[in-house]
Protein backbone atom coordinates (compact mmCIF):
# COMPACT_ATOMS: atom_id res chain seq x y z
CA MET A 1 -55.18 -53.36 24.48
CA ARG A 2 -52.58 -51.29 22.64
CA PHE A 3 -50.49 -48.37 23.87
CA GLN A 4 -51.03 -45.02 22.20
CA ASP A 5 -47.29 -44.53 21.74
CA ARG A 6 -43.95 -45.17 23.43
CA ALA A 7 -44.44 -42.25 25.82
CA GLU A 8 -47.62 -43.72 27.25
CA ALA A 9 -46.00 -47.14 27.43
CA GLY A 10 -43.06 -45.70 29.35
CA ARG A 11 -45.28 -43.94 31.88
CA ARG A 12 -47.17 -47.13 32.60
CA LEU A 13 -43.94 -49.11 32.86
CA ALA A 14 -42.60 -46.56 35.36
CA MET A 15 -45.47 -47.35 37.71
CA LEU A 16 -44.57 -51.02 37.57
CA LEU A 17 -40.90 -50.29 38.31
CA ARG A 18 -41.42 -47.81 41.15
CA PRO A 19 -41.21 -50.46 43.93
CA TYR A 20 -37.83 -51.61 42.56
CA ARG A 21 -36.19 -48.20 42.66
CA ASP A 22 -33.07 -47.91 44.80
CA GLU A 23 -30.51 -45.16 45.28
CA SER A 24 -28.26 -46.46 42.51
CA MET A 25 -30.83 -47.46 39.89
CA GLN A 26 -29.83 -46.99 36.26
CA ILE A 27 -32.08 -47.33 33.19
CA PHE A 28 -30.65 -48.59 29.90
CA GLY A 29 -32.87 -48.35 26.83
CA LEU A 30 -32.37 -51.10 24.28
CA GLY A 31 -31.83 -49.21 21.04
CA GLY A 32 -33.71 -46.07 20.06
CA GLY A 33 -37.17 -47.38 20.89
CA GLY A 34 -36.00 -48.58 24.28
CA VAL A 35 -34.52 -45.16 25.00
CA ARG A 36 -37.83 -43.46 24.15
CA VAL A 37 -39.73 -45.76 26.52
CA GLY A 38 -36.92 -45.65 29.09
CA TYR A 39 -36.90 -41.85 29.02
CA GLU A 40 -40.37 -41.78 30.56
CA VAL A 41 -39.35 -44.34 33.16
CA ALA A 42 -36.18 -42.47 34.10
CA ARG A 43 -38.01 -39.14 34.27
CA ALA A 44 -40.74 -40.53 36.52
CA LEU A 45 -38.25 -42.21 38.87
CA ARG A 46 -35.59 -39.48 38.60
CA VAL A 47 -32.78 -41.90 37.79
CA PRO A 48 -30.05 -41.85 35.11
CA LEU A 49 -30.78 -42.98 31.56
CA ASP A 50 -28.40 -44.41 28.99
CA ILE A 51 -28.60 -46.48 25.83
CA TRP A 52 -27.55 -50.09 25.39
CA VAL A 53 -26.84 -51.18 21.83
CA ALA A 54 -27.35 -54.71 20.56
CA ARG A 55 -27.70 -56.15 17.08
CA GLN A 56 -29.01 -59.39 15.64
CA VAL A 57 -26.46 -61.22 13.54
CA ASP A 58 -27.63 -63.00 10.41
CA ALA A 59 -25.69 -65.80 8.78
CA PRO A 60 -23.27 -64.61 6.06
CA ALA A 61 -25.01 -64.51 2.67
CA GLN A 62 -28.28 -65.62 4.32
CA PRO A 63 -30.21 -62.43 5.21
CA GLY A 64 -33.00 -62.99 7.70
CA LEU A 65 -31.50 -66.14 9.18
CA GLY A 66 -30.53 -65.04 12.67
CA VAL A 67 -27.70 -67.07 14.16
CA GLY A 68 -27.30 -64.95 17.27
CA ALA A 69 -26.80 -61.43 18.54
CA VAL A 70 -24.07 -59.21 19.95
CA SER A 71 -24.19 -56.25 22.30
CA GLU A 72 -21.79 -53.79 23.82
CA GLY A 73 -20.18 -54.96 27.03
CA GLU A 74 -19.10 -58.18 25.27
CA GLY A 75 -22.57 -59.65 25.22
CA PHE A 76 -22.80 -62.64 22.86
CA PHE A 77 -25.68 -65.01 22.22
CA LEU A 78 -25.79 -67.90 19.76
CA ASP A 79 -29.15 -69.29 18.68
CA VAL A 80 -28.92 -73.06 18.41
CA ASP A 81 -31.61 -73.39 15.74
CA GLY A 82 -30.13 -70.58 13.67
CA VAL A 83 -26.64 -72.06 13.80
CA ARG A 84 -27.96 -75.46 12.71
CA SER A 85 -29.75 -73.90 9.74
CA ALA A 86 -26.77 -71.84 8.59
CA SER A 87 -24.67 -73.07 5.72
CA ALA A 88 -21.49 -71.45 7.09
CA PRO A 89 -19.21 -73.34 9.51
CA ALA A 90 -19.17 -72.37 13.19
CA ALA A 91 -15.71 -70.77 12.94
CA GLU A 92 -16.90 -68.42 10.20
CA LEU A 93 -20.00 -67.52 12.21
CA THR A 94 -17.82 -66.65 15.20
CA ARG A 95 -15.61 -64.36 13.11
CA TRP A 96 -18.70 -62.74 11.63
CA MET A 97 -20.12 -62.06 15.08
CA ASP A 98 -16.81 -60.54 16.23
CA ALA A 99 -16.94 -58.13 13.30
CA GLN A 100 -20.50 -57.18 14.16
CA ALA A 101 -19.48 -56.55 17.77
CA GLY A 102 -17.07 -53.89 16.53
CA GLU A 103 -19.88 -52.16 14.62
CA VAL A 104 -22.07 -52.23 17.72
CA ALA A 105 -19.35 -50.56 19.79
CA LEU A 106 -18.96 -47.78 17.21
CA CYS A 107 -22.72 -47.23 17.06
CA ALA A 108 -22.91 -46.93 20.86
CA GLN A 109 -20.06 -44.42 20.86
CA ARG A 110 -21.77 -42.26 18.23
CA LEU A 111 -25.04 -42.19 20.16
CA ARG A 112 -23.46 -41.43 23.55
CA GLY A 113 -21.10 -38.83 22.21
CA PRO A 114 -18.40 -37.76 24.68
CA HIS A 115 -20.13 -39.37 27.66
CA ALA A 116 -18.64 -42.60 28.96
CA ARG A 117 -20.76 -45.67 29.61
CA GLN A 118 -21.30 -46.09 33.36
CA VAL A 119 -22.93 -49.10 35.02
CA PRO A 120 -23.46 -49.08 38.81
CA THR A 121 -22.21 -52.17 40.60
CA ASP A 122 -24.07 -51.55 43.85
CA GLY A 123 -27.61 -50.97 42.61
CA THR A 124 -30.32 -52.02 40.18
CA VAL A 125 -29.75 -51.96 36.44
CA VAL A 126 -32.87 -52.08 34.28
CA LEU A 127 -32.81 -52.96 30.59
CA VAL A 128 -35.91 -51.37 29.04
CA ALA A 129 -37.16 -52.73 25.73
CA GLU A 130 -40.01 -51.18 23.76
CA GLY A 131 -41.48 -54.67 23.54
CA ILE A 132 -40.47 -58.32 23.53
CA ALA A 133 -41.62 -60.14 20.41
CA ALA A 134 -41.02 -63.66 19.21
CA GLY A 135 -37.40 -64.45 18.44
CA ASP A 136 -35.76 -61.15 19.44
CA LEU A 137 -32.20 -62.40 19.95
CA ARG A 138 -30.84 -58.94 20.82
CA ILE A 139 -32.34 -59.01 24.30
CA HIS A 140 -30.41 -62.15 25.25
CA ALA A 141 -27.14 -60.56 24.14
CA ALA A 142 -27.93 -57.24 25.80
CA LEU A 143 -28.67 -58.88 29.15
CA ARG A 144 -25.46 -60.89 28.94
CA GLY A 145 -23.48 -57.75 28.19
CA LEU A 146 -25.01 -55.96 31.16
CA ARG A 147 -24.48 -58.98 33.40
CA ARG A 148 -20.78 -58.84 32.62
CA GLN A 149 -20.69 -55.36 34.18
CA ARG A 150 -21.59 -57.02 37.52
CA PRO A 151 -24.61 -55.01 38.70
CA ARG A 152 -26.07 -56.04 42.05
CA ARG A 153 -29.46 -56.66 40.43
CA LEU A 154 -30.39 -56.89 36.74
CA LEU A 155 -33.98 -56.43 35.61
CA LEU A 156 -35.61 -56.65 32.19
CA ALA A 157 -38.69 -54.46 31.72
CA ALA A 158 -41.02 -53.92 28.78
CA PRO A 159 -44.51 -52.50 28.22
CA ALA A 160 -45.58 -55.54 26.19
CA GLY A 161 -44.18 -58.98 25.61
CA MET A 162 -44.85 -62.46 24.30
CA ALA A 163 -45.34 -64.88 27.17
CA GLY A 164 -43.05 -67.56 25.77
CA GLU A 165 -40.19 -65.12 25.20
CA LEU A 166 -40.61 -63.61 28.66
CA GLU A 167 -40.26 -67.07 30.17
CA ARG A 168 -37.11 -67.85 28.16
CA LEU A 169 -35.50 -64.57 29.22
CA ARG A 170 -35.91 -65.31 32.92
CA VAL A 171 -32.63 -67.23 32.83
CA GLU A 172 -30.79 -64.06 31.76
CA ALA A 173 -32.24 -61.51 34.23
CA ASP A 174 -32.88 -61.56 37.96
CA GLU A 175 -36.46 -60.55 37.22
CA VAL A 176 -38.58 -59.89 34.13
CA LEU A 177 -41.33 -57.26 34.35
CA CYS A 178 -44.01 -56.60 31.76
CA VAL A 179 -47.09 -54.35 31.85
CA GLN A 180 -49.11 -56.64 29.64
CA PHE A 181 -48.29 -59.92 27.95
CA THR A 182 -49.81 -61.81 25.07
CA TRP A 183 -49.47 -65.33 23.77
CA ASP A 184 -48.69 -64.09 20.27
CA LEU A 185 -46.61 -61.00 19.44
CA ALA A 186 -44.90 -61.43 16.10
CA CYS A 187 -43.87 -57.76 15.88
CA VAL A 188 -43.52 -55.11 18.60
CA SER A 189 -45.44 -52.56 16.51
CA GLN A 190 -48.58 -54.62 17.10
CA ALA A 191 -48.59 -53.34 20.69
CA TYR A 192 -48.79 -49.65 19.64
CA GLU A 193 -51.21 -47.34 17.87
CA ALA A 194 -48.33 -45.05 16.77
CA PHE A 195 -44.91 -46.57 16.21
CA PRO A 196 -42.67 -44.15 14.27
CA PRO A 197 -38.93 -44.83 13.98
CA VAL A 198 -36.70 -43.24 16.62
CA LEU A 199 -33.84 -41.52 14.82
CA ALA A 200 -30.28 -41.13 16.06
CA PHE A 201 -30.58 -37.40 16.70
CA GLU A 202 -33.69 -38.03 18.82
CA VAL A 203 -31.79 -40.58 20.91
CA ARG A 204 -29.00 -38.07 21.54
CA GLN A 205 -31.56 -35.42 22.51
CA LEU A 206 -33.33 -37.72 24.95
CA LEU A 207 -30.06 -38.76 26.58
CA GLY A 208 -29.01 -35.12 26.86
CA GLN A 209 -32.30 -34.11 28.47
CA ALA A 210 -32.06 -36.98 30.94
CA ARG A 211 -28.65 -35.77 32.12
CA LEU A 212 -30.27 -32.54 33.31
CA TRP A 213 -32.34 -34.17 36.04
CA ALA A 214 -30.41 -37.25 37.15
CA PRO A 215 -26.96 -37.54 38.75
CA GLN A 216 -24.51 -39.61 36.79
CA VAL A 217 -23.36 -42.90 38.23
CA ARG A 218 -19.77 -43.90 38.76
CA GLU A 219 -18.12 -47.14 39.85
CA GLY A 220 -19.61 -47.98 43.22
CA GLY A 221 -22.49 -45.46 43.19
CA LEU A 222 -23.26 -41.80 42.57
CA GLU A 223 -20.74 -39.25 41.45
CA GLU A 224 -19.62 -36.75 44.06
CA GLY A 225 -22.32 -34.25 44.94
CA GLY A 226 -25.15 -36.40 43.61
CA ARG A 227 -28.34 -36.37 45.63
CA TRP A 228 -31.32 -38.63 45.21
CA MET A 229 -34.82 -37.38 45.91
């Protein structure tokens, strides 16, 4: 069964996440697609929404050979098989990943605009992906970056996912939630009828709309005057 689009997928994921909602829950969408799915979750649960940026890192001069991934929040993940297959030495790979981390930070800043990244330390943080396909290294890095922010509980949630990848990611999150899983998902688009790209201006619009309904979090909980329904 395939989802009609990311909006439908997000609404169904929101139903799965409803029992986990607490007064300091925060949704982070992984990239543009994750923000589109996460927007529906955040709207249904009336909780804050933000983006979390991560990027796969390919070996220098070897496009397509993923050696790891980096995310904001100092999230780093090295793929053992990718590193073994790379022709570059480990020291060069490390420098290359550091450079990519800088690009990720700039991308996150452009998408958030003037709004600072805020991660609650006394509630539930949910990383929402549009899907979890085989070999998506970004999710490992993103979860590690969020873990470094010390949330009380860290969840990974997706509308669709490959069973093997979901199992591997359990070591990174406190819990992994998925609406429907399959034994073979080579590409996330296979889980959707319509899967258009989510452009940067759409991400900024979605984040802006989400700020209208949800109080913004601060260190230790809600900002002053925030009220949860």
